[in-house]
């Protein structure tokens, strides 16, 4: 495993664009802390985000993993480019000539995806822990370390998303077109979901079907956290809306994403086996 990871690390460090994207990604994750200083002044309304409890334990685990999950596209570019560059630079052929088997080659990519997801999760954990210890009104250990399942969901979400990028890069072999294909499918799924939800209004059949599709299953792992805020609940009660949602991380949602991850890895390997390199 470490030998394969070392090979991938050398390739990534020799790619300036990938290094820059990785740095930007983790820099943006660090900027989550700047949310604490955001202050909206609209007439008589003074709205300070940090005072709304977004950094309170255990809510911070939910909020930060959701926000950090929105930044995952930066690493998707790295994953897709990592695969596509193997074809354009002929390094995949050279690796196989040097004795790397096709199984080891695909495993090197999976291990890299796994490490990216793991480091990202650890990074978010550390940032959230520090912010929570500084701003949270609750610092009891049993409260601090509750709701950590959001970190598990975040890890699975990144891993599944990056496996999709791996498959897309393997399928199309050109990074720009592979990223375009991911975006096209994303918009197809989200637009078709919106149209069908409008058509079958009041019926949950669309949600029950779409929960098994790639992007909707990824989204379902961590529900939006904003409606849990006291200000959002107070506003909703004034306009007669009910914001009592199920925000929990469910095992079957994790299972669906892991299932898609396995499918993407399997078909990436099958594509590699069938291609004449």
C-alpha atoms as a PDB file:
ATOM      1  CA  UNK A   1       0.000   0.000   0.000  1.00  0.00           C
ATOM      2  CA  UNK A   2       2.699   2.511   1.028  1.00  0.00           C
ATOM      3  CA  UNK A   3       4.752   1.715  -2.078  1.00  0.00           C
ATOM      4  CA  UNK A   4       1.761   2.436  -4.298  1.00  0.00           C
ATOM      5  CA  UNK A   5       0.941   5.620  -2.396  1.00  0.00           C
ATOM      6  CA  UNK A   6       4.532   6.777  -2.728  1.00  0.00           C
ATOM      7  CA  UNK A   7       4.341   6.352  -6.512  1.00  0.00           C
ATOM      8  CA  UNK A   8       1.186   8.477  -6.656  1.00  0.00           C
ATOM      9  CA  UNK A   9       2.669  11.093  -4.333  1.00  0.00           C
ATOM     10  CA  UNK A  10       5.678  11.531  -6.612  1.00  0.00           C
ATOM     11  CA  UNK A  11       3.373  12.009  -9.614  1.00  0.00           C
ATOM     12  CA  UNK A  12       1.214  14.563  -7.778  1.00  0.00           C
ATOM     13  CA  UNK A  13       4.175  16.583  -6.486  1.00  0.00           C
ATOM     14  CA  UNK A  14       5.526  16.808 -10.025  1.00  0.00           C
ATOM     15  CA  UNK A  15       2.230  18.263 -11.250  1.00  0.00           C
ATOM     16  CA  UNK A  16       2.123  21.962 -10.380  1.00  0.00           C
ATOM     17  CA  UNK A  17      -1.603  22.350 -11.115  1.00  0.00           C
ATOM     18  CA  UNK A  18      -2.499  19.474  -8.779  1.00  0.00           C
ATOM     19  CA  UNK A  19      -0.317  20.881  -6.003  1.00  0.00           C
ATOM     20  CA  UNK A  20      -1.943  24.307  -6.343  1.00  0.00           C
ATOM     21  CA  UNK A  21      -5.464  22.831  -6.286  1.00  0.00           C
ATOM     22  CA  UNK A  22      -4.671  20.760  -3.194  1.00  0.00           C
ATOM     23  CA  UNK A  23      -3.287  23.827  -1.407  1.00  0.00           C
ATOM     24  CA  UNK A  24      -6.337  25.907  -2.414  1.00  0.00           C
ATOM     25  CA  UNK A  25      -8.684  23.166  -1.210  1.00  0.00           C
ATOM     26  CA  UNK A  26      -7.159  22.942   2.265  1.00  0.00           C
ATOM     27  CA  UNK A  27      -6.822  26.719   2.453  1.00  0.00           C
ATOM     28  CA  UNK A  28     -10.554  27.040   1.771  1.00  0.00           C
ATOM     29  CA  UNK A  29     -11.280  24.453   4.449  1.00  0.00           C
ATOM     30  CA  UNK A  30      -9.269  26.589   6.858  1.00  0.00           C
ATOM     31  CA  UNK A  31     -11.341  29.634   5.926  1.00  0.00           C
ATOM     32  CA  UNK A  32     -14.384  28.042   7.552  1.00  0.00           C
ATOM     33  CA  UNK A  33     -13.099  29.739  10.702  1.00  0.00           C
ATOM     34  CA  UNK A  34     -13.717  33.142   9.076  1.00  0.00           C
ATOM     35  CA  UNK A  35     -17.454  32.461   9.238  1.00  0.00           C
ATOM     36  CA  UNK A  36     -17.128  33.463  12.887  1.00  0.00           C
ATOM     37  CA  UNK A  37     -16.501  37.091  11.927  1.00  0.00           C
ATOM     38  CA  UNK A  38     -19.318  37.397   9.355  1.00  0.00           C
ATOM     39  CA  UNK A  39     -21.734  40.088  10.439  1.00  0.00           C
ATOM     40  CA  UNK A  40     -24.814  41.272   8.515  1.00  0.00           C
ATOM     41  CA  UNK A  41     -26.072  44.789   9.155  1.00  0.00           C
ATOM     42  CA  UNK A  42     -29.396  45.334   7.362  1.00  0.00           C
ATOM     43  CA  UNK A  43     -31.059  48.427   8.772  1.00  0.00           C
ATOM     44  CA  UNK A  44     -31.979  47.715  12.382  1.00  0.00           C
ATOM     45  CA  UNK A  45     -31.041  44.047  12.017  1.00  0.00           C
ATOM     46  CA  UNK A  46     -27.598  43.053  13.292  1.00  0.00           C
ATOM     47  CA  UNK A  47     -26.978  39.392  12.459  1.00  0.00           C
ATOM     48  CA  UNK A  48     -23.721  37.845  13.706  1.00  0.00           C
ATOM     49  CA  UNK A  49     -23.328  34.233  12.577  1.00  0.00           C
ATOM     50  CA  UNK A  50     -21.102  33.138  15.463  1.00  0.00           C
ATOM     51  CA  UNK A  51     -23.753  34.309  17.932  1.00  0.00           C
ATOM     52  CA  UNK A  52     -26.349  32.057  16.282  1.00  0.00           C
ATOM     53  CA  UNK A  53     -24.644  29.000  17.772  1.00  0.00           C
ATOM     54  CA  UNK A  54     -23.092  27.597  14.589  1.00  0.00           C
ATOM     55  CA  UNK A  55     -19.918  26.762  16.521  1.00  0.00           C
ATOM     56  CA  UNK A  56     -21.663  25.175  19.468  1.00  0.00           C
ATOM     57  CA  UNK A  57     -21.005  21.524  20.165  1.00  0.00           C
ATOM     58  CA  UNK A  58     -22.361  19.208  18.840  1.00  0.00           C
ATOM     59  CA  UNK A  59     -24.002  21.325  16.084  1.00  0.00           C
ATOM     60  CA  UNK A  60     -20.580  22.345  14.747  1.00  0.00           C
ATOM     61  CA  UNK A  61     -19.928  18.806  13.477  1.00  0.00           C
ATOM     62  CA  UNK A  62     -23.045  19.023  11.326  1.00  0.00           C
ATOM     63  CA  UNK A  63     -22.445  22.584  10.116  1.00  0.00           C
ATOM     64  CA  UNK A  64     -18.751  22.277   9.278  1.00  0.00           C
ATOM     65  CA  UNK A  65     -18.992  18.922   7.501  1.00  0.00           C
ATOM     66  CA  UNK A  66     -21.842  20.274   5.372  1.00  0.00           C
ATOM     67  CA  UNK A  67     -19.934  23.447   4.423  1.00  0.00           C
ATOM     68  CA  UNK A  68     -16.673  21.551   3.833  1.00  0.00           C
ATOM     69  CA  UNK A  69     -18.543  19.080   1.633  1.00  0.00           C
ATOM     70  CA  UNK A  70     -19.400  21.908  -0.748  1.00  0.00           C
ATOM     71  CA  UNK A  71     -15.683  22.390  -1.482  1.00  0.00           C
ATOM     72  CA  UNK A  72     -15.016  18.820  -2.608  1.00  0.00           C
ATOM     73  CA  UNK A  73     -15.042  19.776  -6.303  1.00  0.00           C
ATOM     74  CA  UNK A  74     -11.490  21.149  -5.988  1.00  0.00           C
ATOM     75  CA  UNK A  75     -10.132  17.721  -5.132  1.00  0.00           C
ATOM     76  CA  UNK A  76     -12.343  16.130  -7.787  1.00  0.00           C
ATOM     77  CA  UNK A  77     -10.329  18.098 -10.366  1.00  0.00           C
ATOM     78  CA  UNK A  78      -7.148  16.631  -8.882  1.00  0.00           C
ATOM     79  CA  UNK A  79      -8.527  13.075  -8.971  1.00  0.00           C
ATOM     80  CA  UNK A  80      -9.770  13.332 -12.556  1.00  0.00           C
ATOM     81  CA  UNK A  81      -6.543  14.986 -13.725  1.00  0.00           C
ATOM     82  CA  UNK A  82      -4.507  12.372 -11.890  1.00  0.00           C
ATOM     83  CA  UNK A  83      -6.136   9.633 -13.965  1.00  0.00           C
ATOM     84  CA  UNK A  84      -6.412  11.478 -17.270  1.00  0.00           C
ATOM     85  CA  UNK A  85      -2.756  12.573 -17.172  1.00  0.00           C
ATOM     86  CA  UNK A  86      -1.722   8.932 -16.945  1.00  0.00           C
ATOM     87  CA  UNK A  87      -3.100   8.421 -20.460  1.00  0.00           C
ATOM     88  CA  UNK A  88      -1.939  11.699 -21.987  1.00  0.00           C
ATOM     89  CA  UNK A  89       1.596  11.394 -20.532  1.00  0.00           C
ATOM     90  CA  UNK A  90       1.785   7.633 -21.202  1.00  0.00           C
ATOM     91  CA  UNK A  91       2.851   7.047 -17.581  1.00  0.00           C
ATOM     92  CA  UNK A  92       0.292   4.279 -17.173  1.00  0.00           C
ATOM     93  CA  UNK A  93       1.990   2.273 -19.923  1.00  0.00           C
ATOM     94  CA  UNK A  94       5.401   2.943 -18.397  1.00  0.00           C
ATOM     95  CA  UNK A  95       4.193   1.842 -14.948  1.00  0.00           C
ATOM     96  CA  UNK A  96       2.945  -1.438 -16.374  1.00  0.00           C
ATOM     97  CA  UNK A  97       6.201  -1.975 -18.272  1.00  0.00           C
ATOM     98  CA  UNK A  98       8.129  -1.341 -15.043  1.00  0.00           C
ATOM     99  CA  UNK A  99       6.296  -4.225 -13.394  1.00  0.00           C
ATOM    100  CA  UNK A 100       3.187  -2.673 -11.864  1.00  0.00           C
ATOM    101  CA  UNK A 101       0.149  -4.886 -12.448  1.00  0.00           C
ATOM    102  CA  UNK A 102      -3.158  -3.393 -13.579  1.00  0.00           C
ATOM    103  CA  UNK A 103      -4.664  -4.332 -10.226  1.00  0.00           C
ATOM    104  CA  UNK A 104      -1.861  -2.507  -8.393  1.00  0.00           C
ATOM    105  CA  UNK A 105      -2.269   0.500 -10.666  1.00  0.00           C
ATOM    106  CA  UNK A 106      -5.980   0.853  -9.917  1.00  0.00           C
ATOM    107  CA  UNK A 107      -5.339   0.196  -6.222  1.00  0.00           C
ATOM    108  CA  UNK A 108      -2.811   3.041  -6.175  1.00  0.00           C
ATOM    109  CA  UNK A 109      -5.587   5.379  -7.315  1.00  0.00           C
ATOM    110  CA  UNK A 110      -8.079   4.002  -4.792  1.00  0.00           C
ATOM    111  CA  UNK A 111      -5.546   4.358  -1.972  1.00  0.00           C
ATOM    112  CA  UNK A 112      -4.909   7.957  -3.028  1.00  0.00           C
ATOM    113  CA  UNK A 113      -8.636   8.693  -3.036  1.00  0.00           C
ATOM    114  CA  UNK A 114      -8.915   7.061   0.385  1.00  0.00           C
ATOM    115  CA  UNK A 115      -6.048   9.134   1.797  1.00  0.00           C
ATOM    116  CA  UNK A 116      -7.476  12.386   0.389  1.00  0.00           C
ATOM    117  CA  UNK A 117     -10.829  11.637   2.041  1.00  0.00           C
ATOM    118  CA  UNK A 118      -9.177  10.633   5.320  1.00  0.00           C
ATOM    119  CA  UNK A 119      -6.891  13.683   5.528  1.00  0.00           C
ATOM    120  CA  UNK A 120      -9.799  15.999   4.653  1.00  0.00           C
ATOM    121  CA  UNK A 121     -11.907  14.449   7.414  1.00  0.00           C
ATOM    122  CA  UNK A 122      -9.097  14.757   9.955  1.00  0.00           C
ATOM    123  CA  UNK A 123      -8.534  18.367   8.871  1.00  0.00           C
ATOM    124  CA  UNK A 124     -12.209  19.250   9.353  1.00  0.00           C
ATOM    125  CA  UNK A 125     -12.217  17.452  12.718  1.00  0.00           C
ATOM    126  CA  UNK A 126      -9.270  19.530  13.986  1.00  0.00           C
ATOM    127  CA  UNK A 127     -10.693  22.839  12.702  1.00  0.00           C
ATOM    128  CA  UNK A 128     -14.119  22.085  14.170  1.00  0.00           C
ATOM    129  CA  UNK A 129     -12.661  21.014  17.509  1.00  0.00           C
ATOM    130  CA  UNK A 130     -10.597  24.206  17.808  1.00  0.00           C
ATOM    131  CA  UNK A 131     -13.473  26.475  16.766  1.00  0.00           C
ATOM    132  CA  UNK A 132     -15.842  24.681  19.110  1.00  0.00           C
ATOM    133  CA  UNK A 133     -13.480  24.949  22.089  1.00  0.00           C
ATOM    134  CA  UNK A 134     -13.121  28.679  21.396  1.00  0.00           C
ATOM    135  CA  UNK A 135     -16.740  29.628  20.635  1.00  0.00           C
ATOM    136  CA  UNK A 136     -19.009  26.878  21.949  1.00  0.00           C
ATOM    137  CA  UNK A 137     -21.181  27.469  24.988  1.00  0.00           C
ATOM    138  CA  UNK A 138     -20.968  23.764  25.792  1.00  0.00           C
ATOM    139  CA  UNK A 139     -17.594  22.184  26.528  1.00  0.00           C
ATOM    140  CA  UNK A 140     -18.546  19.036  28.422  1.00  0.00           C
ATOM    141  CA  UNK A 141     -16.766  15.988  26.910  1.00  0.00           C
ATOM    142  CA  UNK A 142     -20.006  14.042  26.393  1.00  0.00           C
ATOM    143  CA  UNK A 143     -21.402  16.958  24.360  1.00  0.00           C
ATOM    144  CA  UNK A 144     -18.173  17.683  22.469  1.00  0.00           C
ATOM    145  CA  UNK A 145     -17.859  14.123  21.206  1.00  0.00           C
ATOM    146  CA  UNK A 146     -21.508  13.518  20.386  1.00  0.00           C
ATOM    147  CA  UNK A 147     -22.799  13.562  16.787  1.00  0.00           C
ATOM    148  CA  UNK A 148     -19.407  12.512  15.409  1.00  0.00           C
ATOM    149  CA  UNK A 149     -21.281  10.381  12.885  1.00  0.00           C
ATOM    150  CA  UNK A 150     -21.314  13.504  10.692  1.00  0.00           C
ATOM    151  CA  UNK A 151     -17.545  13.070  10.289  1.00  0.00           C
ATOM    152  CA  UNK A 152     -18.089   9.463   9.214  1.00  0.00           C
ATOM    153  CA  UNK A 153     -20.709  10.642   6.722  1.00  0.00           C
ATOM    154  CA  UNK A 154     -18.297  13.340   5.486  1.00  0.00           C
ATOM    155  CA  UNK A 155     -15.550  10.773   4.928  1.00  0.00           C
ATOM    156  CA  UNK A 156     -17.898   8.439   3.030  1.00  0.00           C
ATOM    157  CA  UNK A 157     -19.237  11.383   1.008  1.00  0.00           C
ATOM    158  CA  UNK A 158     -15.761  12.420  -0.124  1.00  0.00           C
ATOM    159  CA  UNK A 159     -14.695   8.855  -0.846  1.00  0.00           C
ATOM    160  CA  UNK A 160     -17.798   8.209  -2.963  1.00  0.00           C
ATOM    161  CA  UNK A 161     -17.437  11.498  -4.830  1.00  0.00           C
ATOM    162  CA  UNK A 162     -13.758  10.903  -5.563  1.00  0.00           C
ATOM    163  CA  UNK A 163     -14.496   7.354  -6.749  1.00  0.00           C
ATOM    164  CA  UNK A 164     -16.946   8.909  -9.202  1.00  0.00           C
ATOM    165  CA  UNK A 165     -14.116  11.165 -10.397  1.00  0.00           C
ATOM    166  CA  UNK A 166     -11.832   8.149 -10.729  1.00  0.00           C
ATOM    167  CA  UNK A 167     -14.376   6.332 -12.893  1.00  0.00           C
ATOM    168  CA  UNK A 168     -15.061   9.433 -14.991  1.00  0.00           C
ATOM    169  CA  UNK A 169     -11.338   9.907 -15.651  1.00  0.00           C
ATOM    170  CA  UNK A 170     -10.961   6.242 -16.576  1.00  0.00           C
ATOM    171  CA  UNK A 171     -13.970   6.309 -18.880  1.00  0.00           C
ATOM    172  CA  UNK A 172     -13.205   9.486 -20.835  1.00  0.00           C
ATOM    173  CA  UNK A 173      -9.404   9.810 -20.385  1.00  0.00           C
ATOM    174  CA  UNK A 174      -9.376  13.600 -20.886  1.00  0.00           C
ATOM    175  CA  UNK A 175      -9.687  15.662 -17.728  1.00  0.00           C
ATOM    176  CA  UNK A 176     -11.721  18.555 -19.171  1.00  0.00           C
ATOM    177  CA  UNK A 177     -14.251  16.247 -20.844  1.00  0.00           C
ATOM    178  CA  UNK A 178     -14.369  13.948 -17.800  1.00  0.00           C
ATOM    179  CA  UNK A 179     -15.139  16.891 -15.493  1.00  0.00           C
ATOM    180  CA  UNK A 180     -17.680  18.149 -18.015  1.00  0.00           C
ATOM    181  CA  UNK A 181     -19.380  14.754 -18.034  1.00  0.00           C
ATOM    182  CA  UNK A 182     -19.637  14.794 -14.232  1.00  0.00           C
ATOM    183  CA  UNK A 183     -21.159  18.289 -14.319  1.00  0.00           C
ATOM    184  CA  UNK A 184     -23.595  17.378 -17.111  1.00  0.00           C
ATOM    185  CA  UNK A 185     -24.811  14.347 -15.190  1.00  0.00           C
ATOM    186  CA  UNK A 186     -25.054  16.419 -11.991  1.00  0.00           C
ATOM    187  CA  UNK A 187     -27.296  18.998 -13.664  1.00  0.00           C
ATOM    188  CA  UNK A 188     -29.316  16.265 -15.369  1.00  0.00           C
ATOM    189  CA  UNK A 189     -29.975  14.581 -12.043  1.00  0.00           C
ATOM    190  CA  UNK A 190     -30.803  17.769 -10.140  1.00  0.00           C
ATOM    191  CA  UNK A 191     -33.007  19.246 -12.897  1.00  0.00           C
ATOM    192  CA  UNK A 192     -34.898  16.011 -13.499  1.00  0.00           C
ATOM    193  CA  UNK A 193     -35.375  15.675  -9.734  1.00  0.00           C
ATOM    194  CA  UNK A 194     -36.810  19.203  -9.512  1.00  0.00           C
ATOM    195  CA  UNK A 195     -39.177  18.651 -12.452  1.00  0.00           C
ATOM    196  CA  UNK A 196     -40.451  15.323 -11.139  1.00  0.00           C
ATOM    197  CA  UNK A 197     -40.851  16.688  -7.604  1.00  0.00           C
ATOM    198  CA  UNK A 198     -43.000  19.516  -9.004  1.00  0.00           C
ATOM    199  CA  UNK A 199     -45.067  17.027 -11.030  1.00  0.00           C
ATOM    200  CA  UNK A 200     -45.545  14.545  -8.186  1.00  0.00           C
ATOM    201  CA  UNK A 201     -46.031  17.203  -5.520  1.00  0.00           C
ATOM    202  CA  UNK A 202     -46.974  15.734  -2.172  1.00  0.00           C
ATOM    203  CA  UNK A 203     -45.772  12.252  -3.138  1.00  0.00           C
ATOM    204  CA  UNK A 204     -42.482  10.937  -1.752  1.00  0.00           C
ATOM    205  CA  UNK A 205     -41.989   8.374  -4.543  1.00  0.00           C
ATOM    206  CA  UNK A 206     -39.393  10.595  -6.271  1.00  0.00           C
ATOM    207  CA  UNK A 207     -37.301  10.883  -3.117  1.00  0.00           C
ATOM    208  CA  UNK A 208     -37.518   7.117  -2.629  1.00  0.00           C
ATOM    209  CA  UNK A 209     -36.247   6.526  -6.177  1.00  0.00           C
ATOM    210  CA  UNK A 210     -33.633   9.278  -6.363  1.00  0.00           C
ATOM    211  CA  UNK A 211     -32.057   8.331  -3.036  1.00  0.00           C
ATOM    212  CA  UNK A 212     -30.378   5.503  -4.968  1.00  0.00           C
ATOM    213  CA  UNK A 213     -28.833   7.792  -7.606  1.00  0.00           C
ATOM    214  CA  UNK A 214     -25.213   8.970  -7.176  1.00  0.00           C
ATOM    215  CA  UNK A 215     -25.543  12.686  -6.453  1.00  0.00           C
ATOM    216  CA  UNK A 216     -28.764  12.497  -4.441  1.00  0.00           C
ATOM    217  CA  UNK A 217     -27.301   9.713  -2.309  1.00  0.00           C
ATOM    218  CA  UNK A 218     -24.222  11.868  -1.670  1.00  0.00           C
ATOM    219  CA  UNK A 219     -26.402  14.839  -0.746  1.00  0.00           C
ATOM    220  CA  UNK A 220     -28.557  12.747   1.598  1.00  0.00           C
ATOM    221  CA  UNK A 221     -25.568  11.815   3.757  1.00  0.00           C
ATOM    222  CA  UNK A 222     -25.430  15.252   5.401  1.00  0.00           C
ATOM    223  CA  UNK A 223     -28.662  17.258   5.364  1.00  0.00           C
ATOM    224  CA  UNK A 224     -28.511  21.045   5.317  1.00  0.00           C
ATOM    225  CA  UNK A 225     -27.918  22.347   8.861  1.00  0.00           C
ATOM    226  CA  UNK A 226     -29.237  25.894   8.561  1.00  0.00           C
ATOM    227  CA  UNK A 227     -32.846  25.107   9.489  1.00  0.00           C
ATOM    228  CA  UNK A 228     -31.581  23.853  12.868  1.00  0.00           C
ATOM    229  CA  UNK A 229     -30.480  27.367  13.843  1.00  0.00           C
ATOM    230  CA  UNK A 230     -32.583  29.174  16.423  1.00  0.00           C
ATOM    231  CA  UNK A 231     -33.041  32.182  14.127  1.00  0.00           C
ATOM    232  CA  UNK A 232     -34.333  29.969  11.305  1.00  0.00           C
ATOM    233  CA  UNK A 233     -36.781  28.181  13.620  1.00  0.00           C
ATOM    234  CA  UNK A 234     -38.027  31.488  15.046  1.00  0.00           C
ATOM    235  CA  UNK A 235     -38.603  32.906  11.561  1.00  0.00           C
ATOM    236  CA  UNK A 236     -40.336  29.702  10.428  1.00  0.00           C
ATOM    237  CA  UNK A 237     -42.708  29.751  13.392  1.00  0.00           C
ATOM    238  CA  UNK A 238     -43.663  33.339  12.581  1.00  0.00           C
ATOM    239  CA  UNK A 239     -44.655  32.412   9.037  1.00  0.00           C
ATOM    240  CA  UNK A 240     -46.327  29.164  10.071  1.00  0.00           C
ATOM    241  CA  UNK A 241     -43.717  26.750   8.711  1.00  0.00           C
ATOM    242  CA  UNK A 242     -42.582  23.563  10.447  1.00  0.00           C
ATOM    243  CA  UNK A 243     -38.837  22.890  10.353  1.00  0.00           C
ATOM    244  CA  UNK A 244     -38.936  19.577  12.206  1.00  0.00           C
ATOM    245  CA  UNK A 245     -36.723  17.492   9.932  1.00  0.00           C
ATOM    246  CA  UNK A 246     -34.749  14.311  10.385  1.00  0.00           C
ATOM    247  CA  UNK A 247     -31.109  15.415  10.377  1.00  0.00           C
ATOM    248  CA  UNK A 248     -29.653  12.082  11.484  1.00  0.00           C
ATOM    249  CA  UNK A 249     -27.059  10.125   9.511  1.00  0.00           C
ATOM    250  CA  UNK A 250     -28.654   6.802   8.556  1.00  0.00           C
ATOM    251  CA  UNK A 251     -26.775   3.565   7.957  1.00  0.00           C
ATOM    252  CA  UNK A 252     -28.612   2.835   4.712  1.00  0.00           C
ATOM    253  CA  UNK A 253     -27.549   6.208   3.259  1.00  0.00           C
ATOM    254  CA  UNK A 254     -23.929   5.317   3.987  1.00  0.00           C
ATOM    255  CA  UNK A 255     -24.493   1.851   2.494  1.00  0.00           C
ATOM    256  CA  UNK A 256     -25.863   3.332  -0.753  1.00  0.00           C
ATOM    257  CA  UNK A 257     -22.837   5.610  -1.218  1.00  0.00           C
ATOM    258  CA  UNK A 258     -20.411   2.807  -0.387  1.00  0.00           C
ATOM    259  CA  UNK A 259     -22.263   0.661  -2.920  1.00  0.00           C
ATOM    260  CA  UNK A 260     -21.748   3.308  -5.607  1.00  0.00           C
ATOM    261  CA  UNK A 261     -18.087   3.606  -4.583  1.00  0.00           C
ATOM    262  CA  UNK A 262     -17.626  -0.141  -5.091  1.00  0.00           C
ATOM    263  CA  UNK A 263     -19.376   0.061  -8.480  1.00  0.00           C
ATOM    264  CA  UNK A 264     -17.172   2.942  -9.658  1.00  0.00           C
ATOM    265  CA  UNK A 265     -13.987   1.147  -8.553  1.00  0.00           C
ATOM    266  CA  UNK A 266     -15.078  -2.151 -10.120  1.00  0.00           C
ATOM    267  CA  UNK A 267     -15.910  -0.642 -13.511  1.00  0.00           C
ATOM    268  CA  UNK A 268     -12.748   1.479 -13.457  1.00  0.00           C
ATOM    269  CA  UNK A 269     -10.789  -1.748 -13.083  1.00  0.00           C
ATOM    270  CA  UNK A 270     -12.813  -3.447 -15.831  1.00  0.00           C
ATOM    271  CA  UNK A 271     -12.116  -0.553 -18.196  1.00  0.00           C
ATOM    272  CA  UNK A 272      -8.411  -0.854 -17.461  1.00  0.00           C
ATOM    273  CA  UNK A 273      -8.431  -4.595 -18.131  1.00  0.00           C
ATOM    274  CA  UNK A 274     -10.196  -4.246 -21.480  1.00  0.00           C
ATOM    275  CA  UNK A 275      -8.140  -1.385 -22.875  1.00  0.00           C
ATOM    276  CA  UNK A 276      -5.143  -1.857 -25.107  1.00  0.00           C
ATOM    277  CA  UNK A 277      -2.549   0.456 -23.556  1.00  0.00           C
END
